[in-house]
Amino acid sequence: MRRRAGLLAALSLAACAPQVPDRLPTAPLPYGAGISITAEPAGPAPGTTMAPGWAFAGGYKLNSAETSRLHGLSDIKVWPDGRLLAVGDQGDLLEARLTFDAKGWLAGVADATLKPVLGEDGQPITSQGDREYDAEGIAEFPDGSRLISLEQHDRVYFYPKGQTTPRPAPMPGISIVFNKGMEALAAWPAGGADGYLLGVEGTGEVFRCRVTGACTAYGRVDLEGLELTALAPLPTGGVAYLLRGYNPLAGNRIIIKVIGADGREVDRLQIARPQVVDNFEGLAAVKRGDGVRFYLLSDDNFNSTQQTLLFAVDWTPPP
């Protein structure tokens, strides 16, 4: 969730402030409810070169006439078969399937279900208080168990396979600035079957953790004046980081920064005006040929002046 503070920012951005409902329903929809998602083309034409080695592979603005809850999506994971998992900053969990056209370009979203994230008491986390439901990161292990990271009340939940109620998972023992917490989360196969990486939005610190162990320092990403919102271990080795920034004059700016296993920057892609861009917070990486397809998801903060955008971008590593 992106919150803007300060009198000057408040005056400048009053028209863009998130329109958050005064009262949140205890359950966004009946558990496991199916919804239809409309996908309106957005971004450049598929195949457009965005930078050397980077090609746009399809983009859409997502919405649904069946629910007012398809908003605020903060993280995304995608599998080679197109299965999609996303989580929202008002306690919503989206599962769906991506569709593709004959050329392999992203074509839309199908078979979607939307349900509430549940807390340790088995109830939707929206019922537990205003600072309890800000889900920012999601991960899934090969056995189907999952992790969800939350900020404001900073914590990480572990959901064992087949269970809908969680237990606390290890998190770094550091001081975290309010609302600048563990936005970046991903399963990390190199760290073991239950290994995962956690990244802190405000500092760029990254930690390696295990469900059965603890968290230790992994490194720190140079934020370049931006914020860390997502990370994705790469099938080719290394990790990709999504950095996000905003100011009233320039608007949104994001960078996908690809870091190799040796800690060096391999490549990067920046998206900013006049390109189509919004508050991208989610990043997923799927092996595609000799390269990687990245999926980007924007968090519209339940704000009618923003959009829920889903982009696909193909990256070919430099020689």
Protein backbone atom coordinates (compact mmCIF):
# COMPACT_ATOMS: atom_id res chain seq x y z
CA MET A 1 0.00 0.00 0.00
CA ARG A 2 1.35 3.42 -0.96
CA ARG A 3 0.47 6.15 1.55
CA ARG A 4 1.51 9.76 1.04
CA ALA A 5 2.16 11.89 4.11
CA GLY A 6 2.92 15.56 4.79
CA LEU A 7 0.91 18.72 4.28
CA LEU A 8 2.47 19.63 0.91
CA ALA A 9 1.93 16.13 -0.45
CA ALA A 10 -1.60 16.08 0.88
CA LEU A 11 -2.43 19.35 -0.86
CA SER A 12 -0.75 18.28 -4.11
CA LEU A 13 -2.30 14.85 -4.22
CA ALA A 14 -5.73 15.35 -2.72
CA ALA A 15 -7.31 14.31 -5.99
CA CYS A 16 -5.25 11.09 -6.01
CA ALA A 17 -5.70 10.06 -2.38
CA PRO A 18 -6.85 6.44 -1.94
CA GLN A 19 -10.61 6.20 -1.60
CA VAL A 20 -10.75 3.60 1.17
CA PRO A 21 -14.20 2.54 2.38
CA ASP A 22 -15.05 3.60 5.94
CA ARG A 23 -16.19 0.06 6.69
CA LEU A 24 -14.69 -3.09 5.31
CA PRO A 25 -16.82 -6.21 4.95
CA THR A 26 -15.70 -9.08 7.16
CA ALA A 27 -15.58 -11.26 4.03
CA PRO A 28 -15.03 -9.70 0.58
CA LEU A 29 -17.03 -12.47 -1.08
CA PRO A 30 -18.25 -15.92 -0.09
CA TYR A 31 -15.22 -18.13 0.46
CA GLY A 32 -13.85 -19.31 -2.87
CA ALA A 33 -16.36 -17.26 -4.88
CA GLY A 34 -15.74 -17.18 -8.62
CA ILE A 35 -15.66 -13.84 -10.44
CA SER A 36 -15.34 -12.76 -14.05
CA ILE A 37 -12.49 -10.36 -14.81
CA THR A 38 -12.60 -7.98 -17.75
CA ALA A 39 -9.28 -7.20 -19.41
CA GLU A 40 -8.95 -3.97 -21.39
CA PRO A 41 -5.73 -3.66 -23.45
CA ALA A 42 -3.17 -1.26 -21.97
CA GLY A 43 0.42 -0.38 -22.73
CA PRO A 44 2.28 -0.66 -26.04
CA ALA A 45 1.54 -3.27 -28.69
CA PRO A 46 2.84 -6.77 -27.92
CA GLY A 47 6.31 -7.20 -29.38
CA THR A 48 7.30 -3.56 -28.81
CA THR A 49 10.92 -3.17 -27.72
CA MET A 50 11.00 -1.29 -24.41
CA ALA A 51 14.81 -1.30 -24.08
CA PRO A 52 17.59 -3.49 -25.49
CA GLY A 53 16.74 -7.05 -24.44
CA TRP A 54 13.27 -6.11 -23.14
CA ALA A 55 10.07 -6.69 -25.17
CA PHE A 56 6.50 -5.97 -24.16
CA ALA A 57 4.44 -9.18 -24.16
CA GLY A 58 0.94 -7.85 -23.49
CA GLY A 59 -0.79 -5.65 -20.94
CA TYR A 60 -4.29 -5.14 -19.58
CA LYS A 61 -6.32 -3.03 -17.21
CA LEU A 62 -8.25 -5.43 -14.97
CA ASN A 63 -11.70 -4.94 -13.46
CA SER A 64 -14.79 -6.89 -12.48
CA ALA A 65 -18.44 -5.92 -12.51
CA GLU A 66 -19.17 -8.61 -9.94
CA THR A 67 -17.22 -7.22 -7.00
CA SER A 68 -15.82 -3.95 -5.68
CA ARG A 69 -12.90 -5.87 -4.14
CA LEU A 70 -10.69 -6.38 -7.19
CA HIS A 71 -8.42 -3.52 -6.16
CA GLY A 72 -5.33 -2.84 -4.08
CA LEU A 73 -3.43 -5.88 -5.39
CA SER A 74 0.09 -5.77 -3.95
CA ASP A 75 1.92 -8.89 -5.08
CA ILE A 76 1.73 -11.57 -7.76
CA LYS A 77 3.12 -15.01 -8.44
CA VAL A 78 2.77 -16.81 -11.79
CA TRP A 79 3.66 -20.37 -12.82
CA PRO A 80 4.69 -21.70 -16.27
CA ASP A 81 1.20 -23.07 -16.89
CA GLY A 82 -0.32 -19.61 -16.32
CA ARG A 83 -1.61 -20.16 -12.81
CA LEU A 84 -1.76 -16.84 -10.96
CA LEU A 85 -1.79 -15.99 -7.27
CA ALA A 86 -2.14 -12.44 -5.93
CA VAL A 87 -2.81 -10.74 -2.62
CA GLY A 88 -4.30 -7.34 -1.81
CA ASP A 89 -3.63 -4.71 0.82
CA GLN A 90 -7.16 -4.96 2.19
CA GLY A 91 -6.97 -8.68 2.90
CA ASP A 92 -8.05 -10.18 -0.44
CA LEU A 93 -6.61 -13.31 -2.07
CA LEU A 94 -6.96 -13.76 -5.84
CA GLU A 95 -6.38 -17.02 -7.69
CA ALA A 96 -6.77 -17.19 -11.46
CA ARG A 97 -5.35 -18.46 -14.75
CA LEU A 98 -3.68 -16.33 -17.40
CA THR A 99 -4.64 -16.84 -21.03
CA PHE A 100 -2.41 -16.36 -24.07
CA ASP A 101 -2.95 -15.91 -27.79
CA ALA A 102 -1.47 -17.98 -30.60
CA LYS A 103 1.77 -15.95 -30.48
CA GLY A 104 2.18 -16.46 -26.76
CA TRP A 105 1.26 -12.87 -25.85
CA LEU A 106 -0.74 -12.28 -22.69
CA ALA A 107 -4.43 -12.30 -23.62
CA GLY A 108 -6.42 -12.05 -20.37
CA VAL A 109 -7.40 -13.63 -17.06
CA ALA A 110 -9.83 -16.53 -16.56
CA ASP A 111 -11.09 -18.91 -13.85
CA ALA A 112 -10.72 -16.29 -11.11
CA THR A 113 -11.73 -16.69 -7.48
CA LEU A 114 -11.55 -14.03 -4.79
CA LYS A 115 -11.59 -14.82 -1.10
CA PRO A 116 -10.49 -13.28 2.19
CA VAL A 117 -7.12 -13.84 3.78
CA LEU A 118 -7.72 -15.58 7.10
CA GLY A 119 -5.96 -14.93 10.38
CA GLU A 120 -4.90 -17.23 13.18
CA ASP A 121 -8.46 -17.28 14.56
CA GLY A 122 -9.82 -18.56 11.24
CA GLN A 123 -11.64 -15.27 10.56
CA PRO A 124 -10.94 -12.77 7.75
CA ILE A 125 -8.13 -10.46 8.81
CA THR A 126 -10.34 -7.47 7.90
CA SER A 127 -12.33 -8.25 11.06
CA GLN A 128 -9.32 -7.84 13.34
CA GLY A 129 -8.68 -4.09 13.18
CA ASP A 130 -7.53 -1.33 10.85
CA ARG A 131 -3.82 -2.24 11.00
CA GLU A 132 -4.25 -5.99 10.67
CA TYR A 133 -5.16 -6.60 7.02
CA ASP A 134 -2.47 -4.87 4.91
CA ALA A 135 -1.19 -7.94 3.02
CA GLU A 136 1.77 -7.00 0.82
CA GLY A 137 3.65 -10.14 -0.22
CA ILE A 138 2.78 -13.73 -1.08
CA ALA A 139 4.80 -16.87 -1.78
CA GLU A 140 4.00 -20.51 -2.45
CA PHE A 141 6.30 -23.50 -1.90
CA PRO A 142 6.39 -26.53 -4.21
CA ASP A 143 4.25 -28.53 -1.74
CA GLY A 144 1.46 -25.93 -1.91
CA SER A 145 2.04 -24.29 1.47
CA ARG A 146 2.07 -20.50 1.43
CA LEU A 147 3.42 -17.39 3.08
CA ILE A 148 1.83 -13.94 3.32
CA SER A 149 3.66 -10.89 4.65
CA LEU A 150 1.76 -7.99 6.20
CA GLU A 151 2.73 -4.48 7.20
CA GLN A 152 1.47 -1.83 9.63
CA HIS A 153 1.18 -4.71 12.12
CA ASP A 154 4.32 -6.32 10.73
CA ARG A 155 4.23 -10.12 10.57
CA VAL A 156 4.59 -13.11 8.26
CA TYR A 157 1.99 -15.88 8.18
CA PHE A 158 2.69 -19.47 7.14
CA TYR A 159 -0.23 -21.51 5.78
CA PRO A 160 0.61 -25.25 5.71
CA LYS A 161 -0.62 -27.15 2.68
CA GLY A 162 -4.37 -27.73 2.83
CA GLN A 163 -4.89 -25.37 5.79
CA THR A 164 -6.62 -22.00 5.67
CA THR A 165 -5.48 -20.77 9.09
CA PRO A 166 -1.86 -19.72 9.57
CA ARG A 167 0.82 -19.69 12.19
CA PRO A 168 3.54 -17.06 12.54
CA ALA A 169 6.62 -17.57 10.36
CA PRO A 170 10.15 -16.29 11.01
CA MET A 171 10.82 -12.63 10.24
CA PRO A 172 13.92 -10.48 10.72
CA GLY A 173 14.46 -9.04 14.17
CA ILE A 174 14.87 -5.45 13.04
CA SER A 175 13.09 -2.18 13.67
CA ILE A 176 10.71 -1.42 10.78
CA VAL A 177 9.34 2.02 9.95
CA PHE A 178 5.54 2.08 10.04
CA ASN A 179 4.01 1.20 6.65
CA LYS A 180 7.47 0.64 5.11
CA GLY A 181 7.73 -3.03 5.96
CA MET A 182 8.12 -6.45 4.37
CA GLU A 183 6.61 -5.74 0.95
CA ALA A 184 8.91 -8.10 -0.97
CA LEU A 185 8.43 -11.85 -0.47
CA ALA A 186 9.18 -14.93 -2.58
CA ALA A 187 9.95 -18.61 -2.19
CA TRP A 188 13.69 -19.18 -2.58
CA PRO A 189 14.55 -22.72 -3.74
CA ALA A 190 18.28 -22.07 -3.27
CA GLY A 191 17.59 -21.72 0.45
CA GLY A 192 15.91 -25.11 0.82
CA ALA A 193 12.44 -26.54 0.39
CA ASP A 194 11.07 -24.02 2.91
CA GLY A 195 13.42 -21.15 2.06
CA TYR A 196 12.20 -17.68 1.28
CA LEU A 197 13.47 -14.15 0.75
CA LEU A 198 12.04 -11.08 2.51
CA GLY A 199 12.74 -7.51 1.44
CA VAL A 200 12.05 -4.32 3.40
CA GLU A 201 10.39 -1.52 1.45
CA GLY A 202 11.98 1.47 3.13
CA THR A 203 15.60 0.29 3.44
CA GLY A 204 16.17 -2.24 0.65
CA GLU A 205 17.41 -4.80 3.19
CA VAL A 206 16.89 -8.41 2.06
CA PHE A 207 16.81 -11.43 4.37
CA ARG A 208 17.02 -15.17 3.72
CA CYS A 209 14.69 -17.18 5.90
CA ARG A 210 13.36 -20.69 6.44
CA VAL A 211 10.03 -21.69 7.90
CA THR A 212 11.87 -24.23 10.07
CA GLY A 213 14.68 -21.83 10.93
CA ALA A 214 15.28 -18.12 11.21
CA CYS A 215 16.13 -15.06 9.10
CA THR A 216 19.64 -13.83 8.38
CA ALA A 217 20.93 -10.96 6.26
CA TYR A 218 21.15 -11.66 2.52
CA GLY A 219 22.07 -8.23 1.21
CA ARG A 220 20.79 -4.74 0.52
CA VAL A 221 19.44 -3.32 -2.73
CA ASP A 222 20.49 0.18 -3.76
CA LEU A 223 17.09 1.89 -3.84
CA GLU A 224 18.31 4.91 -5.83
CA GLY A 225 15.77 7.08 -4.04
CA LEU A 226 12.91 4.62 -4.67
CA GLU A 227 11.33 1.86 -2.57
CA LEU A 228 11.51 -1.93 -2.75
CA THR A 229 8.08 -3.43 -3.42
CA ALA A 230 8.75 -6.95 -4.75
CA LEU A 231 11.45 -9.48 -5.60
CA ALA A 232 11.61 -12.59 -7.76
CA PRO A 233 14.34 -15.25 -7.68
CA LEU A 234 15.28 -15.98 -11.29
CA PRO A 235 15.28 -19.39 -12.95
CA THR A 236 18.53 -18.31 -14.60
CA GLY A 237 20.11 -17.48 -11.23
CA GLY A 238 20.17 -14.27 -9.23
CA VAL A 239 17.22 -12.15 -8.14
CA ALA A 240 15.13 -9.42 -9.78
CA TYR A 241 13.95 -6.51 -7.65
CA LEU A 242 11.06 -4.14 -8.31
CA LEU A 243 11.67 -0.55 -7.20
CA ARG A 244 8.87 1.99 -7.15
CA GLY A 245 8.74 5.76 -6.70
CA TYR A 246 6.26 8.60 -7.09
CA ASN A 247 6.25 12.37 -7.09
CA PRO A 248 3.48 14.79 -8.12
CA LEU A 249 5.38 16.26 -11.07
CA ALA A 250 6.88 13.14 -12.67
CA GLY A 251 4.26 10.61 -11.56
CA ASN A 252 5.11 6.95 -11.05
CA ARG A 253 8.50 5.50 -11.93
CA ILE A 254 9.52 1.87 -11.58
CA ILE A 255 12.71 -0.07 -12.18
CA ILE A 256 13.14 -3.82 -12.59
CA LYS A 257 16.71 -4.36 -11.43
CA VAL A 258 18.26 -7.74 -12.29
CA ILE A 259 21.06 -8.79 -9.93
CA GLY A 260 23.20 -11.82 -10.74
CA ALA A 261 24.21 -14.56 -8.33
CA ASP A 262 27.52 -12.71 -7.84
CA GLY A 263 25.70 -9.63 -6.56
CA ARG A 264 26.38 -7.50 -9.65
CA GLU A 265 23.70 -5.74 -11.65
CA VAL A 266 23.10 -7.60 -14.89
CA ASP A 267 20.40 -5.45 -16.47
CA ARG A 268 17.49 -3.14 -15.73
CA LEU A 269 14.26 -1.80 -17.19
CA GLN A 270 12.74 1.55 -16.26
CA ILE A 271 9.09 2.40 -16.93
CA ALA A 272 8.01 6.01 -16.46
CA ARG A 273 6.03 8.70 -18.23
CA PRO A 274 5.26 9.09 -21.10
CA GLN A 275 5.00 5.28 -21.06
CA VAL A 276 1.90 3.74 -19.51
CA VAL A 277 2.78 3.29 -15.84
CA ASP A 278 1.03 3.09 -12.49
CA ASN A 279 1.80 2.04 -8.92
CA PHE A 280 3.41 -1.32 -9.78
CA GLU A 281 4.03 -3.33 -6.60
CA GLY A 282 3.92 -6.99 -7.73
CA LEU A 283 6.58 -8.89 -9.67
CA ALA A 284 6.75 -12.50 -10.86
CA ALA A 285 9.36 -14.26 -13.01
CA VAL A 286 8.83 -17.32 -15.23
CA LYS A 287 11.48 -19.00 -17.37
CA ARG A 288 10.81 -18.55 -21.08
CA GLY A 289 13.26 -20.05 -23.56
CA ASP A 290 16.71 -18.67 -22.81
CA GLY A 291 15.24 -15.75 -20.90
CA VAL A 292 12.56 -14.74 -18.43
CA ARG A 293 9.03 -13.41 -18.68
CA PHE A 294 8.29 -10.87 -15.96
CA TYR A 295 4.76 -10.12 -14.81
CA LEU A 296 4.02 -6.75 -13.22
CA LEU A 297 0.89 -5.92 -11.22
CA SER A 298 -0.11 -2.44 -10.05
CA ASP A 299 -1.85 -1.54 -6.78
CA ASP A 300 -4.57 1.05 -7.43
CA ASN A 301 -5.13 1.68 -3.69
CA PHE A 302 -8.91 1.44 -4.25
CA ASN A 303 -8.50 4.83 -5.95
CA SER A 304 -10.59 5.65 -9.02
CA THR A 305 -7.76 7.77 -10.48
CA GLN A 306 -5.42 4.75 -10.61
CA GLN A 307 -5.58 1.43 -12.44
CA THR A 308 -5.05 -2.25 -11.78
CA LEU A 309 -2.60 -3.04 -14.58
CA LEU A 310 -1.17 -6.45 -15.45
CA PHE A 311 1.85 -6.33 -17.76
CA ALA A 312 4.01 -9.08 -19.24
CA VAL A 313 7.58 -8.24 -20.30
CA ASP A 314 10.05 -10.65 -21.90
CA TRP A 315 13.70 -10.27 -20.97
CA THR A 316 16.62 -11.74 -22.90
CA PRO A 317 19.79 -11.70 -20.77
CA PRO A 318 22.76 -9.90 -22.30
CA PRO A 319 25.61 -12.10 -23.57
